[in-house]
Amino acid sequence: MKSLTAKLGQFLALYGGWGLLSISFLDSSILSLPLVNDLLLIHLAARHPERVVLYAMQSTVGSILGAYLTYFVARGGGKYLLRKFSAGKIARAQHWLDRNDFVSVLVASLLPPPAPFKVFLIAAGILRVNPVRFGTALLVGRGARFLAEGYLAALYGLRAEQYLKDNLAWVSLVVVVVVAGTVVHRRLASRRSHRPSPSAPQD
């Protein structure tokens, strides 16, 4: 099965940006193609820097569509999808989703494999996380990740391709810190702005 999956990834990679969309869709839904999308995105962006935004968009759209497929299957009663995950991973995903579903999906969508991205998608469906918040978190997370990878590859060209391949985990971690930190900061600022101001003392 792994051999067939690898061959499918190699075949789709021949189709450039549309291959990116297809690979990211499959990786977020019915198959696992870890890092194939990221590596192809970096490769294409390094060779065609003028298309980096298009490549990032195609990767993001494919990943979101695949994630929604997984989400709705799980929401419709697909608990059997959790069988291939350990009880510990499932419990942690549900714990974080209960605490803050938006930030949990956001951070999970930023991290590269072997981070348990798909278990968060399935758990989000089972817990019936708001689909709009779910999609928005994916849009921000996946969009930031793919755009950062593509931008760095386009900026530094072929010299950066091997470096990004070898250090993808660190690059993703930096993106996680920046994006998640920005989201948390904005939420805290929004809460402070909505707090009622203390009434002035009366004479």
Protein backbone atom coordinates (compact mmCIF):
# COMPACT_ATOMS: atom_id res chain seq x y z
CA MET A 1 0.00 0.00 0.00
CA LYS A 2 2.82 2.40 0.87
CA SER A 3 4.50 1.63 -2.45
CA LEU A 4 1.31 2.38 -4.39
CA THR A 5 0.81 5.61 -2.43
CA ALA A 6 4.38 6.71 -3.16
CA LYS A 7 3.92 5.99 -6.87
CA LEU A 8 0.67 7.96 -6.89
CA GLY A 9 2.45 10.92 -5.28
CA GLN A 10 5.21 10.74 -7.90
CA PHE A 11 2.65 10.60 -10.69
CA LEU A 12 0.67 13.60 -9.41
CA ALA A 13 3.88 15.59 -8.92
CA LEU A 14 4.26 15.64 -12.71
CA TYR A 15 1.25 17.97 -12.95
CA GLY A 16 2.77 20.92 -11.10
CA GLY A 17 0.30 23.13 -9.29
CA TRP A 18 -2.67 20.86 -9.99
CA GLY A 19 -0.62 17.99 -8.64
CA LEU A 20 -0.06 20.05 -5.49
CA LEU A 21 -3.80 20.52 -5.08
CA SER A 22 -4.51 16.81 -5.61
CA ILE A 23 -1.74 15.62 -3.28
CA SER A 24 -2.76 17.98 -0.48
CA PHE A 25 -6.40 16.92 -0.88
CA LEU A 26 -5.53 13.22 -0.63
CA ASP A 27 -3.13 13.76 2.28
CA SER A 28 -5.84 15.50 4.31
CA SER A 29 -8.49 12.90 3.49
CA ILE A 30 -8.26 9.30 2.38
CA LEU A 31 -4.49 8.76 2.03
CA SER A 32 -1.30 9.71 3.83
CA LEU A 33 1.35 11.40 1.70
CA PRO A 34 3.55 12.91 4.42
CA LEU A 35 5.75 15.81 3.28
CA VAL A 36 5.17 15.06 -0.42
CA ASN A 37 3.14 18.24 -0.85
CA ASP A 38 5.64 20.38 1.08
CA LEU A 39 8.65 19.07 -0.85
CA LEU A 40 6.91 19.52 -4.20
CA LEU A 41 5.84 23.04 -3.26
CA ILE A 42 9.42 23.96 -2.29
CA HIS A 43 10.75 22.41 -5.50
CA LEU A 44 8.28 24.26 -7.75
CA ALA A 45 8.60 27.59 -5.95
CA ALA A 46 12.40 27.50 -6.20
CA ARG A 47 12.17 26.99 -9.97
CA HIS A 48 9.19 29.26 -10.67
CA PRO A 49 9.26 32.02 -8.02
CA GLU A 50 6.71 34.10 -9.93
CA ARG A 51 4.07 31.42 -9.21
CA VAL A 52 4.69 31.05 -5.48
CA VAL A 53 1.34 32.57 -4.44
CA LEU A 54 -0.53 30.34 -6.89
CA TYR A 55 1.27 27.23 -5.63
CA ALA A 56 0.57 28.14 -2.00
CA MET A 57 -3.11 28.74 -2.82
CA GLN A 58 -3.45 25.41 -4.63
CA SER A 59 -1.84 23.56 -1.73
CA THR A 60 -4.08 25.35 0.77
CA VAL A 61 -7.32 24.80 -1.15
CA GLY A 62 -6.57 21.11 -1.67
CA SER A 63 -5.74 20.61 2.00
CA ILE A 64 -8.88 22.40 3.20
CA LEU A 65 -11.15 20.42 0.86
CA GLY A 66 -9.60 17.16 1.99
CA ALA A 67 -9.85 18.19 5.63
CA TYR A 68 -13.55 19.01 5.25
CA LEU A 69 -14.14 15.57 3.72
CA THR A 70 -12.51 13.94 6.75
CA TYR A 71 -14.37 16.27 9.12
CA PHE A 72 -17.83 15.54 7.70
CA VAL A 73 -17.25 11.78 7.50
CA ALA A 74 -16.25 11.81 11.18
CA ARG A 75 -19.14 14.13 12.06
CA GLY A 76 -21.56 11.75 10.38
CA GLY A 77 -20.50 8.89 12.63
CA GLY A 78 -17.03 7.94 11.49
CA LYS A 79 -15.53 6.96 14.85
CA TYR A 80 -14.02 3.95 13.13
CA LEU A 81 -11.54 6.39 11.57
CA LEU A 82 -9.88 6.70 14.97
CA ARG A 83 -8.91 3.04 15.11
CA LYS A 84 -5.45 3.62 13.63
CA PHE A 85 -4.58 6.25 16.25
CA SER A 86 -3.46 5.53 19.80
CA ALA A 87 -5.82 6.29 22.67
CA GLY A 88 -3.31 8.85 23.97
CA LYS A 89 -3.31 10.86 20.72
CA ILE A 90 -7.09 10.83 20.58
CA ALA A 91 -7.43 11.96 24.20
CA ARG A 92 -4.92 14.79 23.73
CA ALA A 93 -6.63 16.00 20.55
CA GLN A 94 -10.05 16.03 22.23
CA HIS A 95 -8.62 17.77 25.29
CA TRP A 96 -7.13 20.60 23.26
CA LEU A 97 -10.20 20.94 21.05
CA ASP A 98 -12.40 21.22 24.15
CA ARG A 99 -10.17 24.00 25.49
CA ASN A 100 -9.83 26.05 22.30
CA ASP A 101 -10.94 24.46 19.04
CA PHE A 102 -9.76 27.29 16.77
CA VAL A 103 -6.19 27.50 18.09
CA SER A 104 -5.91 23.69 18.29
CA VAL A 105 -6.82 23.20 14.63
CA LEU A 106 -4.64 26.19 13.68
CA VAL A 107 -1.53 24.82 15.38
CA ALA A 108 -2.15 21.27 14.11
CA SER A 109 -2.44 22.58 10.55
CA LEU A 110 0.91 24.38 10.83
CA LEU A 111 2.98 21.45 12.06
CA PRO A 112 4.64 19.02 9.64
CA PRO A 113 4.52 15.21 10.00
CA PRO A 114 4.77 13.28 12.23
CA ALA A 115 2.49 15.77 14.06
CA PRO A 116 -0.99 14.16 14.31
CA PHE A 117 -2.86 16.50 11.96
CA LYS A 118 -5.48 14.03 10.79
CA VAL A 119 -6.48 12.95 14.29
CA PHE A 120 -7.44 16.59 14.99
CA LEU A 121 -9.61 16.63 11.86
CA ILE A 122 -11.42 13.46 12.91
CA ALA A 123 -11.78 14.56 16.55
CA ALA A 124 -13.12 17.94 15.37
CA GLY A 125 -15.80 16.16 13.35
CA ILE A 126 -16.79 13.86 16.20
CA LEU A 127 -16.96 16.81 18.63
CA ARG A 128 -18.92 18.82 16.02
CA VAL A 129 -16.60 21.79 16.08
CA ASN A 130 -18.19 24.77 14.31
CA PRO A 131 -17.43 24.19 10.59
CA VAL A 132 -16.79 27.88 9.90
CA ARG A 133 -14.27 28.17 12.75
CA PHE A 134 -12.78 24.86 11.61
CA GLY A 135 -12.31 26.09 8.04
CA THR A 136 -11.01 29.50 9.10
CA ALA A 137 -8.36 27.90 11.32
CA LEU A 138 -7.29 25.68 8.43
CA LEU A 139 -7.17 28.62 6.03
CA VAL A 140 -4.92 30.61 8.35
CA GLY A 141 -2.74 27.66 9.36
CA ARG A 142 -2.31 25.87 6.06
CA GLY A 143 -2.10 29.16 4.15
CA ALA A 144 0.65 30.52 6.42
CA ARG A 145 2.62 27.28 6.31
CA PHE A 146 2.54 26.83 2.54
CA LEU A 147 3.12 30.51 1.82
CA ALA A 148 6.12 30.62 4.16
CA GLU A 149 7.65 27.52 2.58
CA GLY A 150 7.06 28.79 -0.94
CA TYR A 151 8.26 32.30 -0.18
CA LEU A 152 11.53 31.10 1.31
CA ALA A 153 12.13 28.77 -1.63
CA ALA A 154 11.32 31.54 -4.11
CA LEU A 155 13.47 34.10 -2.26
CA TYR A 156 16.61 31.99 -2.04
CA GLY A 157 16.07 29.82 -5.09
CA LEU A 158 17.65 26.46 -5.65
CA ARG A 159 20.17 27.07 -2.85
CA ALA A 160 17.34 27.01 -0.33
CA GLU A 161 15.61 23.90 -1.65
CA GLN A 162 17.85 21.35 0.06
CA TYR A 163 18.09 23.44 3.23
CA LEU A 164 14.31 23.66 3.53
CA LYS A 165 13.97 19.95 2.89
CA ASP A 166 16.46 19.18 5.65
CA ASN A 167 15.06 21.74 8.11
CA LEU A 168 11.33 21.70 7.38
CA ALA A 169 10.47 20.93 11.00
CA TRP A 170 12.32 24.02 12.25
CA VAL A 171 10.82 26.25 9.57
CA SER A 172 7.34 25.01 10.48
CA LEU A 173 8.01 25.54 14.18
CA VAL A 174 8.95 29.17 13.57
CA VAL A 175 5.76 29.68 11.54
CA VAL A 176 3.72 28.07 14.35
CA VAL A 177 5.19 30.41 16.96
CA VAL A 178 4.63 33.53 14.83
CA VAL A 179 1.09 32.70 13.66
CA ALA A 180 -0.20 31.23 16.93
CA GLY A 181 1.39 34.07 18.90
CA THR A 182 -0.29 36.64 16.66
CA VAL A 183 -3.69 34.95 17.01
CA VAL A 184 -3.44 34.69 20.80
CA HIS A 185 -2.27 38.30 21.06
CA ARG A 186 -5.19 39.54 18.96
CA ARG A 187 -7.68 37.51 20.99
CA LEU A 188 -6.34 38.89 24.25
CA ALA A 189 -6.42 42.43 22.86
CA SER A 190 -10.01 41.89 21.67
CA ARG A 191 -11.11 40.66 25.10
CA ARG A 192 -9.53 43.64 26.81
CA SER A 193 -11.22 46.06 24.43
CA HIS A 194 -14.63 44.50 25.17
CA ARG A 195 -14.28 44.63 28.94
CA PRO A 196 -16.58 47.22 30.50
CA SER A 197 -14.62 50.17 31.80
CA PRO A 198 -14.89 50.78 35.54
CA SER A 199 -17.51 53.36 36.35
CA ALA A 200 -16.28 56.69 37.61
CA PRO A 201 -16.74 57.26 41.36
CA GLN A 202 -19.77 59.30 42.20
CA ASP A 203 -19.69 62.30 44.55
